[in-house]
Amino acid sequence: MYQLSEQLADDIWKIVAGWNFFAKDTIAKQIVRSADSIGANIAEGVGRGSFQENRCFIKIARGSLNETQHWLRRAYTRNLLTSEQINSIKTIINELALKLNSYLNSIGNVPDDNDQ
């Protein structure tokens, strides 16, 4: 899951590096930040050492993945991405979304200490 997030972020970086200044200064910054945030939140959640914090950061990573999808749709609509680029990225996004959801399901749901 973490490796897929890095692959997605790196693939997006390579694509947006070739855009003009205006596109880089606006939408590219948003896509790169949201894509980089996926892996950063996975890493932070694991590093926190707490079950609840790990779950929280995985959910944030999932939100960042959704944000990345939003910006990619905007970039495609604005003719900054080709269908081939979208299809390549979509494959990674679909697999990463599945893995994030599967991981969340596999670690279950332990009640917060404050709820007891």
PDB file of N, CA and C in Angstrom:
ATOM      1  N   MET A   1       0.829  -1.174   0.000  1.00  0.00           N
ATOM      2  CA  MET A   1       0.000   0.000   0.000  1.00  0.00           C
ATOM      3  C   MET A   1       0.887   1.255   0.000  1.00  0.00           C
ATOM      4  N   TYR A   2       1.894   1.272   0.853  1.00  0.00           N
ATOM      5  CA  TYR A   2       2.796   2.423   0.907  1.00  0.00           C
ATOM      6  C   TYR A   2       3.567   2.567  -0.399  1.00  0.00           C
ATOM      7  N   GLN A   3       4.042   1.449  -0.933  1.00  0.00           N
ATOM      8  CA  GLN A   3       4.793   1.481  -2.194  1.00  0.00           C
ATOM      9  C   GLN A   3       3.920   1.973  -3.341  1.00  0.00           C
ATOM     10  N   LEU A   4       2.666   1.576  -3.362  1.00  0.00           N
ATOM     11  CA  LEU A   4       1.739   2.066  -4.388  1.00  0.00           C
ATOM     12  C   LEU A   4       1.533   3.572  -4.264  1.00  0.00           C
ATOM     13  N   SER A   5       1.447   4.057  -3.032  1.00  0.00           N
ATOM     14  CA  SER A   5       1.271   5.502  -2.841  1.00  0.00           C
ATOM     15  C   SER A   5       2.482   6.260  -3.363  1.00  0.00           C
ATOM     16  N   GLU A   6       3.674   5.715  -3.148  1.00  0.00           N
ATOM     17  CA  GLU A   6       4.883   6.352  -3.671  1.00  0.00           C
ATOM     18  C   GLU A   6       4.912   6.313  -5.199  1.00  0.00           C
ATOM     19  N   GLN A   7       4.499   5.193  -5.769  1.00  0.00           N
ATOM     20  CA  GLN A   7       4.459   5.074  -7.227  1.00  0.00           C
ATOM     21  C   GLN A   7       3.498   6.093  -7.826  1.00  0.00           C
ATOM     22  N   LEU A   8       2.326   6.224  -7.223  1.00  0.00           N
ATOM     23  CA  LEU A   8       1.341   7.190  -7.704  1.00  0.00           C
ATOM     24  C   LEU A   8       1.907   8.605  -7.641  1.00  0.00           C
ATOM     25  N   ALA A   9       2.484   8.974  -6.506  1.00  0.00           N
ATOM     26  CA  ALA A   9       3.039  10.317  -6.340  1.00  0.00           C
ATOM     27  C   ALA A   9       4.159  10.575  -7.343  1.00  0.00           C
ATOM     28  N   ASP A  10       5.018   9.589  -7.556  1.00  0.00           N
ATOM     29  CA  ASP A  10       6.129   9.759  -8.507  1.00  0.00           C
ATOM     30  C   ASP A  10       5.628   9.861  -9.948  1.00  0.00           C
ATOM     31  N   ASP A  11       4.637   9.057 -10.296  1.00  0.00           N
ATOM     32  CA  ASP A  11       4.079   9.121 -11.652  1.00  0.00           C
ATOM     33  C   ASP A  11       3.436  10.487 -11.910  1.00  0.00           C
ATOM     34  N   ILE A  12       2.715  10.992 -10.922  1.00  0.00           N
ATOM     35  CA  ILE A  12       2.085  12.308 -11.067  1.00  0.00           C
ATOM     36  C   ILE A  12       3.154  13.388 -11.197  1.00  0.00           C
ATOM     37  N   TRP A  13       4.190  13.305 -10.382  1.00  0.00           N
ATOM     38  CA  TRP A  13       5.287  14.284 -10.435  1.00  0.00           C
ATOM     39  C   TRP A  13       5.883  14.340 -11.840  1.00  0.00           C
ATOM     40  N   LYS A  14       6.146  13.180 -12.409  1.00  0.00           N
ATOM     41  CA  LYS A  14       6.752  13.132 -13.753  1.00  0.00           C
ATOM     42  C   LYS A  14       5.842  13.776 -14.792  1.00  0.00           C
ATOM     43  N   ILE A  15       4.556  13.567 -14.657  1.00  0.00           N
ATOM     44  CA  ILE A  15       3.612  14.135 -15.627  1.00  0.00           C
ATOM     45  C   ILE A  15       3.554  15.650 -15.500  1.00  0.00           C
ATOM     46  N   VAL A  16       3.360  16.152 -14.291  1.00  0.00           N
ATOM     47  CA  VAL A  16       3.158  17.594 -14.125  1.00  0.00           C
ATOM     48  C   VAL A  16       4.438  18.393 -14.335  1.00  0.00           C
ATOM     49  N   ALA A  17       5.587  17.749 -14.261  1.00  0.00           N
ATOM     50  CA  ALA A  17       6.858  18.453 -14.468  1.00  0.00           C
ATOM     51  C   ALA A  17       6.923  19.091 -15.855  1.00  0.00           C
ATOM     52  N   GLY A  18       6.200  18.545 -16.809  1.00  0.00           N
ATOM     53  CA  GLY A  18       6.218  19.065 -18.167  1.00  0.00           C
ATOM     54  C   GLY A  18       5.164  20.119 -18.472  1.00  0.00           C
ATOM     55  N   TRP A  19       4.352  20.453 -17.489  1.00  0.00           N
ATOM     56  CA  TRP A  19       3.300  21.442 -17.720  1.00  0.00           C
ATOM     57  C   TRP A  19       3.865  22.859 -17.740  1.00  0.00           C
ATOM     58  N   ASN A  20       3.090  23.791 -18.306  1.00  0.00           N
ATOM     59  CA  ASN A  20       3.517  25.195 -18.333  1.00  0.00           C
ATOM     60  C   ASN A  20       3.443  25.798 -16.931  1.00  0.00           C
ATOM     61  N   PHE A  21       3.996  26.991 -16.786  1.00  0.00           N
ATOM     62  CA  PHE A  21       4.091  27.616 -15.469  1.00  0.00           C
ATOM     63  C   PHE A  21       2.728  27.781 -14.803  1.00  0.00           C
ATOM     64  N   PHE A  22       1.752  28.284 -15.542  1.00  0.00           N
ATOM     65  CA  PHE A  22       0.441  28.519 -14.937  1.00  0.00           C
ATOM     66  C   PHE A  22      -0.152  27.224 -14.400  1.00  0.00           C
ATOM     67  N   ALA A  23      -0.118  26.171 -15.193  1.00  0.00           N
ATOM     68  CA  ALA A  23      -0.673  24.877 -14.762  1.00  0.00           C
ATOM     69  C   ALA A  23       0.112  24.326 -13.569  1.00  0.00           C
ATOM     70  N   LYS A  24       1.439  24.492 -13.588  1.00  0.00           N
ATOM     71  CA  LYS A  24       2.257  24.026 -12.459  1.00  0.00           C
ATOM     72  C   LYS A  24       1.943  24.810 -11.194  1.00  0.00           C
ATOM     73  N   ASP A  25       1.772  26.127 -11.355  1.00  0.00           N
ATOM     74  CA  ASP A  25       1.580  26.993 -10.201  1.00  0.00           C
ATOM     75  C   ASP A  25       0.199  26.840  -9.576  1.00  0.00           C
ATOM     76  N   THR A  26      -0.727  26.289 -10.303  1.00  0.00           N
ATOM     77  CA  THR A  26      -2.092  26.162  -9.790  1.00  0.00           C
ATOM     78  C   THR A  26      -2.424  24.700  -9.512  1.00  0.00           C
ATOM     79  N   ILE A  27      -2.866  23.995 -10.492  1.00  0.00           N
ATOM     80  CA  ILE A  27      -3.391  22.641 -10.288  1.00  0.00           C
ATOM     81  C   ILE A  27      -2.296  21.610  -9.987  1.00  0.00           C
ATOM     82  N   ALA A  28      -1.122  21.767 -10.575  1.00  0.00           N
ATOM     83  CA  ALA A  28      -0.051  20.785 -10.339  1.00  0.00           C
ATOM     84  C   ALA A  28       0.358  20.762  -8.874  1.00  0.00           C
ATOM     85  N   LYS A  29       0.453  21.927  -8.265  1.00  0.00           N
ATOM     86  CA  LYS A  29       0.821  21.975  -6.844  1.00  0.00           C
ATOM     87  C   LYS A  29      -0.199  21.223  -5.990  1.00  0.00           C
ATOM     88  N   GLN A  30      -1.459  21.378  -6.321  1.00  0.00           N
ATOM     89  CA  GLN A  30      -2.521  20.712  -5.560  1.00  0.00           C
ATOM     90  C   GLN A  30      -2.455  19.196  -5.732  1.00  0.00           C
ATOM     91  N   ILE A  31      -2.254  18.753  -6.969  1.00  0.00           N
ATOM     92  CA  ILE A  31      -2.195  17.303  -7.219  1.00  0.00           C
ATOM     93  C   ILE A  31      -0.996  16.689  -6.516  1.00  0.00           C
ATOM     94  N   VAL A  32       0.151  17.337  -6.633  1.00  0.00           N
ATOM     95  CA  VAL A  32       1.363  16.802  -6.010  1.00  0.00           C
ATOM     96  C   VAL A  32       1.204  16.753  -4.493  1.00  0.00           C
ATOM     97  N   ARG A  33       0.670  17.802  -3.907  1.00  0.00           N
ATOM     98  CA  ARG A  33       0.495  17.820  -2.448  1.00  0.00           C
ATOM     99  C   ARG A  33      -0.462  16.724  -1.982  1.00  0.00           C
ATOM    100  N   SER A  34      -1.576  16.576  -2.676  1.00  0.00           N
ATOM    101  CA  SER A  34      -2.544  15.559  -2.239  1.00  0.00           C
ATOM    102  C   SER A  34      -1.987  14.149  -2.459  1.00  0.00           C
ATOM    103  N   ALA A  35      -1.285  13.934  -3.563  1.00  0.00           N
ATOM    104  CA  ALA A  35      -0.702  12.610  -3.825  1.00  0.00           C
ATOM    105  C   ALA A  35       0.405  12.288  -2.823  1.00  0.00           C
ATOM    106  N   ASP A  36       1.266  13.258  -2.527  1.00  0.00           N
ATOM    107  CA  ASP A  36       2.328  13.038  -1.541  1.00  0.00           C
ATOM    108  C   ASP A  36       1.745  12.781  -0.154  1.00  0.00           C
ATOM    109  N   SER A  37       0.616  13.383   0.131  1.00  0.00           N
ATOM    110  CA  SER A  37      -0.019  13.247   1.439  1.00  0.00           C
ATOM    111  C   SER A  37      -0.502  11.822   1.704  1.00  0.00           C
ATOM    112  N   ILE A  38      -0.805  11.079   0.668  1.00  0.00           N
ATOM    113  CA  ILE A  38      -1.281   9.701   0.848  1.00  0.00           C
ATOM    114  C   ILE A  38      -0.218   8.877   1.577  1.00  0.00           C
ATOM    115  N   GLY A  39       0.968   8.823   0.993  1.00  0.00           N
ATOM    116  CA  GLY A  39       2.053   8.049   1.604  1.00  0.00           C
ATOM    117  C   GLY A  39       2.503   8.612   2.934  1.00  0.00           C
ATOM    118  N   ALA A  40       2.530   9.944   3.042  1.00  0.00           N
ATOM    119  CA  ALA A  40       2.947  10.571   4.292  1.00  0.00           C
ATOM    120  C   ALA A  40       2.027  10.171   5.435  1.00  0.00           C
ATOM    121  N   ASN A  41       0.730  10.118   5.173  1.00  0.00           N
ATOM    122  CA  ASN A  41      -0.216   9.744   6.226  1.00  0.00           C
ATOM    123  C   ASN A  41      -0.168   8.261   6.556  1.00  0.00           C
ATOM    124  N   ILE A  42       0.089   7.424   5.580  1.00  0.00           N
ATOM    125  CA  ILE A  42       0.276   5.996   5.855  1.00  0.00           C
ATOM    126  C   ILE A  42       1.478   5.828   6.791  1.00  0.00           C
ATOM    127  N   ALA A  43       2.576   6.485   6.453  1.00  0.00           N
ATOM    128  CA  ALA A  43       3.796   6.376   7.257  1.00  0.00           C
ATOM    129  C   ALA A  43       3.584   6.924   8.668  1.00  0.00           C
ATOM    130  N   GLU A  44       2.942   8.071   8.758  1.00  0.00           N
ATOM    131  CA  GLU A  44       2.728   8.668  10.075  1.00  0.00           C
ATOM    132  C   GLU A  44       1.834   7.802  10.941  1.00  0.00           C
ATOM    133  N   GLY A  45       0.791   7.238  10.349  1.00  0.00           N
ATOM    134  CA  GLY A  45      -0.106   6.384  11.120  1.00  0.00           C
ATOM    135  C   GLY A  45       0.604   5.172  11.694  1.00  0.00           C
ATOM    136  N   VAL A  46       1.427   4.546  10.895  1.00  0.00           N
ATOM    137  CA  VAL A  46       2.174   3.375  11.365  1.00  0.00           C
ATOM    138  C   VAL A  46       3.169   3.794  12.443  1.00  0.00           C
ATOM    139  N   GLY A  47       3.775   4.952  12.252  1.00  0.00           N
ATOM    140  CA  GLY A  47       4.789   5.414  13.191  1.00  0.00           C
ATOM    141  C   GLY A  47       4.253   5.893  14.525  1.00  0.00           C
ATOM    142  N   ARG A  48       2.992   6.184  14.616  1.00  0.00           N
ATOM    143  CA  ARG A  48       2.414   6.688  15.860  1.00  0.00           C
ATOM    144  C   ARG A  48       2.359   5.619  16.955  1.00  0.00           C
ATOM    145  N   GLY A  49       2.274   4.364  16.568  1.00  0.00           N
ATOM    146  CA  GLY A  49       2.283   3.293  17.551  1.00  0.00           C
ATOM    147  C   GLY A  49       0.971   3.077  18.278  1.00  0.00           C
ATOM    148  N   SER A  50      -0.059   3.786  17.894  1.00  0.00           N
ATOM    149  CA  SER A  50      -1.366   3.645  18.516  1.00  0.00           C
ATOM    150  C   SER A  50      -2.357   3.140  17.473  1.00  0.00           C
ATOM    151  N   PHE A  51      -3.153   2.166  17.867  1.00  0.00           N
ATOM    152  CA  PHE A  51      -4.147   1.608  16.957  1.00  0.00           C
ATOM    153  C   PHE A  51      -5.087   2.685  16.429  1.00  0.00           C
ATOM    154  N   GLN A  52      -5.634   3.488  17.330  1.00  0.00           N
ATOM    155  CA  GLN A  52      -6.609   4.502  16.919  1.00  0.00           C
ATOM    156  C   GLN A  52      -5.970   5.556  16.016  1.00  0.00           C
ATOM    157  N   GLU A  53      -4.752   5.971  16.340  1.00  0.00           N
ATOM    158  CA  GLU A  53      -4.091   6.966  15.488  1.00  0.00           C
ATOM    159  C   GLU A  53      -3.768   6.380  14.119  1.00  0.00           C
ATOM    160  N   ASN A  54      -3.370   5.120  14.082  1.00  0.00           N
ATOM    161  CA  ASN A  54      -3.103   4.473  12.803  1.00  0.00           C
ATOM    162  C   ASN A  54      -4.360   4.486  11.936  1.00  0.00           C
ATOM    163  N   ARG A  55      -5.487   4.076  12.511  1.00  0.00           N
ATOM    164  CA  ARG A  55      -6.759   4.087  11.769  1.00  0.00           C
ATOM    165  C   ARG A  55      -7.094   5.492  11.265  1.00  0.00           C
ATOM    166  N   CYS A  56      -6.899   6.471  12.125  1.00  0.00           N
ATOM    167  CA  CYS A  56      -7.197   7.859  11.761  1.00  0.00           C
ATOM    168  C   CYS A  56      -6.356   8.307  10.571  1.00  0.00           C
ATOM    169  N   PHE A  57      -5.063   8.020  10.610  1.00  0.00           N
ATOM    170  CA  PHE A  57      -4.189   8.461   9.526  1.00  0.00           C
ATOM    171  C   PHE A  57      -4.438   7.685   8.233  1.00  0.00           C
ATOM    172  N   ILE A  58      -4.840   6.435   8.333  1.00  0.00           N
ATOM    173  CA  ILE A  58      -5.194   5.681   7.119  1.00  0.00           C
ATOM    174  C   ILE A  58      -6.447   6.296   6.495  1.00  0.00           C
ATOM    175  N   LYS A  59      -7.388   6.725   7.327  1.00  0.00           N
ATOM    176  CA  LYS A  59      -8.577   7.398   6.789  1.00  0.00           C
ATOM    177  C   LYS A  59      -8.203   8.739   6.145  1.00  0.00           C
ATOM    178  N   ILE A  60      -7.256   9.440   6.731  1.00  0.00           N
ATOM    179  CA  ILE A  60      -6.788  10.693   6.128  1.00  0.00           C
ATOM    180  C   ILE A  60      -6.111  10.400   4.788  1.00  0.00           C
ATOM    181  N   ALA A  61      -5.329   9.333   4.736  1.00  0.00           N
ATOM    182  CA  ALA A  61      -4.688   8.933   3.476  1.00  0.00           C
ATOM    183  C   ALA A  61      -5.747   8.642   2.418  1.00  0.00           C
ATOM    184  N   ARG A  62      -6.805   7.985   2.824  1.00  0.00           N
ATOM    185  CA  ARG A  62      -7.903   7.685   1.897  1.00  0.00           C
ATOM    186  C   ARG A  62      -8.554   8.981   1.409  1.00  0.00           C
ATOM    187  N   GLY A  63      -8.709   9.945   2.298  1.00  0.00           N
ATOM    188  CA  GLY A  63      -9.233  11.249   1.904  1.00  0.00           C
ATOM    189  C   GLY A  63      -8.302  11.953   0.919  1.00  0.00           C
ATOM    190  N   SER A  64      -7.011  11.845   1.148  1.00  0.00           N
ATOM    191  CA  SER A  64      -6.044  12.449   0.224  1.00  0.00           C
ATOM    192  C   SER A  64      -6.089  11.774  -1.141  1.00  0.00           C
ATOM    193  N   LEU A  65      -6.352  10.480  -1.147  1.00  0.00           N
ATOM    194  CA  LEU A  65      -6.510   9.776  -2.421  1.00  0.00           C
ATOM    195  C   LEU A  65      -7.726  10.317  -3.169  1.00  0.00           C
ATOM    196  N   ASN A  66      -8.815  10.539  -2.454  1.00  0.00           N
ATOM    197  CA  ASN A  66     -10.007  11.112  -3.081  1.00  0.00           C
ATOM    198  C   ASN A  66      -9.735  12.520  -3.592  1.00  0.00           C
ATOM    199  N   GLU A  67      -8.986  13.299  -2.825  1.00  0.00           N
ATOM    200  CA  GLU A  67      -8.631  14.645  -3.275  1.00  0.00           C
ATOM    201  C   GLU A  67      -7.779  14.579  -4.536  1.00  0.00           C
ATOM    202  N   THR A  68      -6.849  13.647  -4.574  1.00  0.00           N
ATOM    203  CA  THR A  68      -6.009  13.471  -5.759  1.00  0.00           C
ATOM    204  C   THR A  68      -6.865  13.148  -6.972  1.00  0.00           C
ATOM    205  N   GLN A  69      -7.846  12.284  -6.793  1.00  0.00           N
ATOM    206  CA  GLN A  69      -8.753  11.960  -7.889  1.00  0.00           C
ATOM    207  C   GLN A  69      -9.501  13.204  -8.365  1.00  0.00           C
ATOM    208  N   HIS A  70      -9.935  14.027  -7.430  1.00  0.00           N
ATOM    209  CA  HIS A  70     -10.607  15.271  -7.801  1.00  0.00           C
ATOM    210  C   HIS A  70      -9.708  16.131  -8.684  1.00  0.00           C
ATOM    211  N   TRP A  71      -8.485  16.367  -8.263  1.00  0.00           N
ATOM    212  CA  TRP A  71      -7.574  17.221  -9.031  1.00  0.00           C
ATOM    213  C   TRP A  71      -7.221  16.603 -10.382  1.00  0.00           C
ATOM    214  N   LEU A  72      -7.128  15.287 -10.433  1.00  0.00           N
ATOM    215  CA  LEU A  72      -6.854  14.634 -11.721  1.00  0.00           C
ATOM    216  C   LEU A  72      -8.028  14.821 -12.685  1.00  0.00           C
ATOM    217  N   ARG A  73      -9.251  14.739 -12.164  1.00  0.00           N
ATOM    218  CA  ARG A  73     -10.415  15.000 -13.027  1.00  0.00           C
ATOM    219  C   ARG A  73     -10.388  16.429 -13.549  1.00  0.00           C
ATOM    220  N   ARG A  74     -10.032  17.379 -12.669  1.00  0.00           N
ATOM    221  CA  ARG A  74      -9.941  18.789 -13.102  1.00  0.00           C
ATOM    222  C   ARG A  74      -8.865  18.942 -14.173  1.00  0.00           C
ATOM    223  N   ALA A  75      -7.729  18.302 -13.969  1.00  0.00           N
ATOM    224  CA  ALA A  75      -6.631  18.400 -14.941  1.00  0.00           C
ATOM    225  C   ALA A  75      -7.034  17.792 -16.282  1.00  0.00           C
ATOM    226  N   TYR A  76      -7.746  16.683 -16.236  1.00  0.00           N
ATOM    227  CA  TYR A  76      -8.196  16.050 -17.480  1.00  0.00           C
ATOM    228  C   TYR A  76      -9.210  16.948 -18.189  1.00  0.00           C
ATOM    229  N   THR A  77     -10.151  17.488 -17.453  1.00  0.00           N
ATOM    230  CA  THR A  77     -11.163  18.379 -18.016  1.00  0.00           C
ATOM    231  C   THR A  77     -10.519  19.608 -18.661  1.00  0.00           C
ATOM    232  N   ARG A  78      -9.410  20.046 -18.097  1.00  0.00           N
ATOM    233  CA  ARG A  78      -8.703  21.228 -18.607  1.00  0.00           C
ATOM    234  C   ARG A  78      -7.634  20.880 -19.636  1.00  0.00           C
ATOM    235  N   ASN A  79      -7.713  19.644 -20.143  1.00  0.00           N
ATOM    236  CA  ASN A  79      -6.830  19.164 -21.212  1.00  0.00           C
ATOM    237  C   ASN A  79      -5.353  19.170 -20.838  1.00  0.00           C
ATOM    238  N   LEU A  80      -5.069  18.912 -19.570  1.00  0.00           N
ATOM    239  CA  LEU A  80      -3.685  18.814 -19.126  1.00  0.00           C
ATOM    240  C   LEU A  80      -3.201  17.367 -19.089  1.00  0.00           C
ATOM    241  N   LEU A  81      -4.142  16.429 -19.112  1.00  0.00           N
ATOM    242  CA  LEU A  81      -3.827  15.003 -19.087  1.00  0.00           C
ATOM    243  C   LEU A  81      -4.466  14.312 -20.282  1.00  0.00           C
ATOM    244  N   THR A  82      -3.760  13.328 -20.789  1.00  0.00           N
ATOM    245  CA  THR A  82      -4.305  12.527 -21.885  1.00  0.00           C
ATOM    246  C   THR A  82      -5.092  11.349 -21.306  1.00  0.00           C
ATOM    247  N   SER A  83      -5.883  10.735 -22.133  1.00  0.00           N
ATOM    248  CA  SER A  83      -6.630   9.539 -21.718  1.00  0.00           C
ATOM    249  C   SER A  83      -5.671   8.430 -21.295  1.00  0.00           C
ATOM    250  N   GLU A  84      -4.556   8.314 -21.994  1.00  0.00           N
ATOM    251  CA  GLU A  84      -3.570   7.285 -21.657  1.00  0.00           C
ATOM    252  C   GLU A  84      -2.981   7.529 -20.268  1.00  0.00           C
ATOM    253  N   GLN A  85      -2.678   8.783 -19.956  1.00  0.00           N
ATOM    254  CA  GLN A  85      -2.142   9.101 -18.636  1.00  0.00           C
ATOM    255  C   GLN A  85      -3.169   8.803 -17.551  1.00  0.00           C
ATOM    256  N   ILE A  86      -4.405   9.196 -17.789  1.00  0.00           N
ATOM    257  CA  ILE A  86      -5.466   8.932 -16.823  1.00  0.00           C
ATOM    258  C   ILE A  86      -5.646   7.439 -16.605  1.00  0.00           C
ATOM    259  N   ASN A  87      -5.661   6.663 -17.677  1.00  0.00           N
ATOM    260  CA  ASN A  87      -5.847   5.217 -17.550  1.00  0.00           C
ATOM    261  C   ASN A  87      -4.708   4.571 -16.768  1.00  0.00           C
ATOM    262  N   SER A  88      -3.495   5.037 -16.987  1.00  0.00           N
ATOM    263  CA  SER A  88      -2.342   4.506 -16.261  1.00  0.00           C
ATOM    264  C   SER A  88      -2.443   4.830 -14.778  1.00  0.00           C
ATOM    265  N   ILE A  89      -2.781   6.066 -14.468  1.00  0.00           N
ATOM    266  CA  ILE A  89      -2.903   6.491 -13.074  1.00  0.00           C
ATOM    267  C   ILE A  89      -4.103   5.822 -12.407  1.00  0.00           C
ATOM    268  N   LYS A  90      -5.189   5.667 -13.162  1.00  0.00           N
ATOM    269  CA  LYS A  90      -6.414   5.066 -12.609  1.00  0.00           C
ATOM    270  C   LYS A  90      -6.164   3.646 -12.117  1.00  0.00           C
ATOM    271  N   THR A  91      -5.309   2.914 -12.807  1.00  0.00           N
ATOM    272  CA  THR A  91      -4.987   1.549 -12.390  1.00  0.00           C
ATOM    273  C   THR A  91      -4.358   1.550 -10.999  1.00  0.00           C
ATOM    274  N   ILE A  92      -3.431   2.464 -10.768  1.00  0.00           N
ATOM    275  CA  ILE A  92      -2.783   2.559  -9.462  1.00  0.00           C
ATOM    276  C   ILE A  92      -3.784   3.022  -8.412  1.00  0.00           C
ATOM    277  N   ILE A  93      -4.578   4.027  -8.742  1.00  0.00           N
ATOM    278  CA  ILE A  93      -5.565   4.564  -7.798  1.00  0.00           C
ATOM    279  C   ILE A  93      -6.552   3.487  -7.366  1.00  0.00           C
ATOM    280  N   ASN A  94      -7.056   2.712  -8.316  1.00  0.00           N
ATOM    281  CA  ASN A  94      -8.026   1.662  -7.984  1.00  0.00           C
ATOM    282  C   ASN A  94      -7.425   0.612  -7.063  1.00  0.00           C
ATOM    283  N   GLU A  95      -6.203   0.218  -7.349  1.00  0.00           N
ATOM    284  CA  GLU A  95      -5.538  -0.780  -6.502  1.00  0.00           C
ATOM    285  C   GLU A  95      -5.242  -0.208  -5.113  1.00  0.00           C
ATOM    286  N   LEU A  96      -4.789   1.029  -5.073  1.00  0.00           N
ATOM    287  CA  LEU A  96      -4.480   1.663  -3.789  1.00  0.00           C
ATOM    288  C   LEU A  96      -5.736   1.845  -2.946  1.00  0.00           C
ATOM    289  N   ALA A  97      -6.832   2.257  -3.558  1.00  0.00           N
ATOM    290  CA  ALA A  97      -8.093   2.417  -2.825  1.00  0.00           C
ATOM    291  C   ALA A  97      -8.535   1.088  -2.234  1.00  0.00           C
ATOM    292  N   LEU A  98      -8.424   0.040  -3.009  1.00  0.00           N
ATOM    293  CA  LEU A  98      -8.794  -1.301  -2.534  1.00  0.00           C
ATOM    294  C   LEU A  98      -7.923  -1.707  -1.353  1.00  0.00           C
ATOM    295  N   LYS A  99      -6.628  -1.455  -1.452  1.00  0.00           N
ATOM    296  CA  LYS A  99      -5.708  -1.848  -0.378  1.00  0.00           C
ATOM    297  C   LYS A  99      -5.937  -1.018   0.891  1.00  0.00           C
ATOM    298  N   LEU A 100      -6.183   0.267   0.742  1.00  0.00           N
ATOM    299  CA  LEU A 100      -6.467   1.097   1.919  1.00  0.00           C
ATOM    300  C   LEU A 100      -7.727   0.606   2.637  1.00  0.00           C
ATOM    301  N   ASN A 101      -8.778   0.342   1.862  1.00  0.00           N
ATOM    302  CA  ASN A 101     -10.025  -0.148   2.458  1.00  0.00           C
ATOM    303  C   ASN A 101      -9.848  -1.525   3.081  1.00  0.00           C
ATOM    304  N   SER A 102      -9.113  -2.400   2.421  1.00  0.00           N
ATOM    305  CA  SER A 102      -8.871  -3.738   2.953  1.00  0.00           C
ATOM    306  C   SER A 102      -8.065  -3.671   4.245  1.00  0.00           C
ATOM    307  N   TYR A 103      -7.075  -2.789   4.269  1.00  0.00           N
ATOM    308  CA  TYR A 103      -6.267  -2.639   5.476  1.00  0.00           C
ATOM    309  C   TYR A 103      -7.128  -2.139   6.637  1.00  0.00           C
ATOM    310  N   LEU A 104      -7.948  -1.141   6.377  1.00  0.00           N
ATOM    311  CA  LEU A 104      -8.841  -0.644   7.430  1.00  0.00           C
ATOM    312  C   LEU A 104      -9.755  -1.758   7.942  1.00  0.00           C
ATOM    313  N   ASN A 105     -10.300  -2.546   7.042  1.00  0.00           N
ATOM    314  CA  ASN A 105     -11.176  -3.654   7.449  1.00  0.00           C
ATOM    315  C   ASN A 105     -10.409  -4.723   8.211  1.00  0.00           C
ATOM    316  N   SER A 106      -9.161  -4.962   7.842  1.00  0.00           N
ATOM    317  CA  SER A 106      -8.388  -6.031   8.472  1.00  0.00           C
ATOM    318  C   SER A 106      -7.983  -5.688   9.902  1.00  0.00           C
ATOM    319  N   ILE A 107      -7.820  -4.413  10.198  1.00  0.00           N
ATOM    320  CA  ILE A 107      -7.414  -4.055  11.561  1.00  0.00           C
ATOM    321  C   ILE A 107      -8.621  -3.816  12.461  1.00  0.00           C
ATOM    322  N   GLY A 108      -9.803  -3.910  11.901  1.00  0.00           N
ATOM    323  CA  GLY A 108     -11.015  -3.849  12.695  1.00  0.00           C
ATOM    324  C   GLY A 108     -11.280  -2.492  13.292  1.00  0.00           C
ATOM    325  N   ASN A 109     -12.133  -2.495  14.304  1.00  0.00           N
ATOM    326  CA  ASN A 109     -12.536  -1.250  14.936  1.00  0.00           C
ATOM    327  C   ASN A 109     -12.541  -1.456  16.444  1.00  0.00           C
ATOM    328  N   VAL A 110     -11.507  -0.963  17.093  1.00  0.00           N
ATOM    329  CA  VAL A 110     -11.387  -1.079  18.542  1.00  0.00           C
ATOM    330  C   VAL A 110     -11.927   0.207  19.149  1.00  0.00           C
ATOM    331  N   PRO A 111     -12.768   0.109  20.182  1.00  0.00           N
ATOM    332  CA  PRO A 111     -13.324   1.333  20.771  1.00  0.00           C
ATOM    333  C   PRO A 111     -12.231   2.205  21.372  1.00  0.00           C
ATOM    334  N   ASP A 112     -12.455   3.474  21.316  1.00  0.00           N
ATOM    335  CA  ASP A 112     -11.546   4.463  21.875  1.00  0.00           C
ATOM    336  C   ASP A 112     -11.587   4.354  23.397  1.00  0.00           C
ATOM    337  N   ASP A 113     -10.462   4.602  24.057  1.00  0.00           N
ATOM    338  CA  ASP A 113     -10.402   4.514  25.522  1.00  0.00           C
ATOM    339  C   ASP A 113     -11.416   5.437  26.190  1.00  0.00           C
ATOM    340  N   ASN A 114     -11.744   6.550  25.567  1.00  0.00           N
ATOM    341  CA  ASN A 114     -12.680   7.515  26.146  1.00  0.00           C
ATOM    342  C   ASN A 114     -14.127   7.009  26.137  1.00  0.00           C
ATOM    343  N   ASP A 115     -14.405   6.016  25.296  1.00  0.00           N
ATOM    344  CA  ASP A 115     -15.773   5.492  25.187  1.00  0.00           C
ATOM    345  C   ASP A 115     -16.107   4.486  26.278  1.00  0.00           C
ATOM    346  N   GLN A 116     -15.120   4.048  27.036  1.00  0.00           N
ATOM    347  CA  GLN A 116     -15.367   3.003  28.018  1.00  0.00           C
ATOM    348  C   GLN A 116     -15.762   3.556  29.355  1.00  0.00           C
TER     349      GLN A 116
END
